[in-house]
């Protein structure tokens, strides 16, 4: 499935199919890339579930997701107790 997606889209790290509720990650990525890509795709799913559209002319969903992914992942890595607190 991932190979077909890469051939059709040119993307090489991951993708999410919102209609099928599927996230596929490139199996050749290292663990830190896999983690970042998974979070990135989850954020795309949250974006779609929220019914959001492109925020403003010249700013794309992808730009916002990339910024959110890196900031959120860094926050979670620096604060390992945060996730446990949020799950309680």
Protein backbone atom coordinates (compact mmCIF):
# COMPACT_ATOMS: atom_id res chain seq x y z
CA UNK A 1 0.00 0.00 0.00
CA UNK A 2 2.78 2.44 0.89
CA UNK A 3 4.67 1.75 -2.37
CA UNK A 4 1.52 2.51 -4.39
CA UNK A 5 1.04 5.77 -2.52
CA UNK A 6 4.65 6.85 -3.09
CA UNK A 7 4.37 6.11 -6.82
CA UNK A 8 1.13 8.08 -7.11
CA UNK A 9 1.95 11.04 -4.88
CA UNK A 10 5.71 11.34 -4.67
CA UNK A 11 5.59 11.53 -0.86
CA UNK A 12 8.02 9.23 0.89
CA UNK A 13 7.38 9.35 4.64
CA UNK A 14 3.71 8.64 5.29
CA UNK A 15 0.11 9.40 4.51
CA UNK A 16 -3.35 9.22 6.00
CA UNK A 17 -6.48 8.15 4.19
CA UNK A 18 -9.24 9.90 6.09
CA UNK A 19 -12.05 8.08 4.31
CA UNK A 20 -10.65 4.68 5.26
CA UNK A 21 -9.21 5.75 8.63
CA UNK A 22 -5.78 4.42 7.66
CA UNK A 23 -2.35 5.86 8.41
CA UNK A 24 0.59 4.29 6.59
CA UNK A 25 4.20 5.05 7.49
CA UNK A 26 7.25 4.27 5.39
CA UNK A 27 8.69 1.14 7.03
CA UNK A 28 12.28 2.17 6.22
CA UNK A 29 12.26 5.25 8.48
CA UNK A 30 14.28 5.27 11.69
CA UNK A 31 12.34 5.33 14.96
CA UNK A 32 12.49 9.10 15.50
CA UNK A 33 11.33 9.75 11.92
CA UNK A 34 8.55 7.18 12.32
CA UNK A 35 7.39 8.86 15.53
CA UNK A 36 7.40 12.32 13.96
CA UNK A 37 5.65 11.08 10.82
CA UNK A 38 2.97 9.26 12.81
CA UNK A 39 2.26 12.38 14.88
CA UNK A 40 2.23 14.44 11.68
CA UNK A 41 -0.38 12.16 10.10
CA UNK A 42 -2.48 12.09 13.28
CA UNK A 43 -2.52 15.90 13.22
CA UNK A 44 -3.80 15.78 9.63
CA UNK A 45 -6.59 13.48 10.84
CA UNK A 46 -7.46 15.85 13.69
CA UNK A 47 -7.50 18.71 11.16
CA UNK A 48 -9.96 16.83 8.96
CA UNK A 49 -12.14 15.73 11.90
CA UNK A 50 -12.34 19.35 13.00
CA UNK A 51 -13.73 20.27 9.60
CA UNK A 52 -11.08 22.92 9.12
CA UNK A 53 -10.23 24.23 5.69
CA UNK A 54 -7.18 26.12 4.52
CA UNK A 55 -6.62 28.82 7.17
CA UNK A 56 -5.74 31.86 5.03
CA UNK A 57 -4.64 32.55 1.50
CA UNK A 58 -0.97 31.67 1.16
CA UNK A 59 -0.94 29.45 4.28
CA UNK A 60 -1.50 25.78 3.69
CA UNK A 61 -2.65 23.02 6.02
CA UNK A 62 0.69 21.28 5.53
CA UNK A 63 2.62 24.33 6.76
CA UNK A 64 0.62 24.43 9.97
CA UNK A 65 0.83 20.66 10.52
CA UNK A 66 4.63 20.67 10.10
CA UNK A 67 4.99 23.42 12.70
CA UNK A 68 2.57 21.76 15.12
CA UNK A 69 4.23 18.36 14.71
CA UNK A 70 7.71 19.52 15.63
CA UNK A 71 6.57 21.66 18.55
CA UNK A 72 4.21 19.08 19.99
CA UNK A 73 6.66 16.19 19.62
CA UNK A 74 9.42 18.23 21.26
CA UNK A 75 7.09 19.16 24.13
CA UNK A 76 6.08 15.53 24.69
CA UNK A 77 9.71 14.35 24.59
CA UNK A 78 10.85 17.00 27.06
CA UNK A 79 7.93 16.34 29.41
CA UNK A 80 7.46 12.57 29.62
CA UNK A 81 4.97 12.88 32.50
CA UNK A 82 2.68 15.09 30.41
CA UNK A 83 1.16 12.25 28.43
CA UNK A 84 0.47 10.23 31.57
CA UNK A 85 -1.20 13.24 33.15
CA UNK A 86 -3.38 13.82 30.09
CA UNK A 87 -4.42 10.15 30.04
CA UNK A 88 -5.46 10.11 33.72
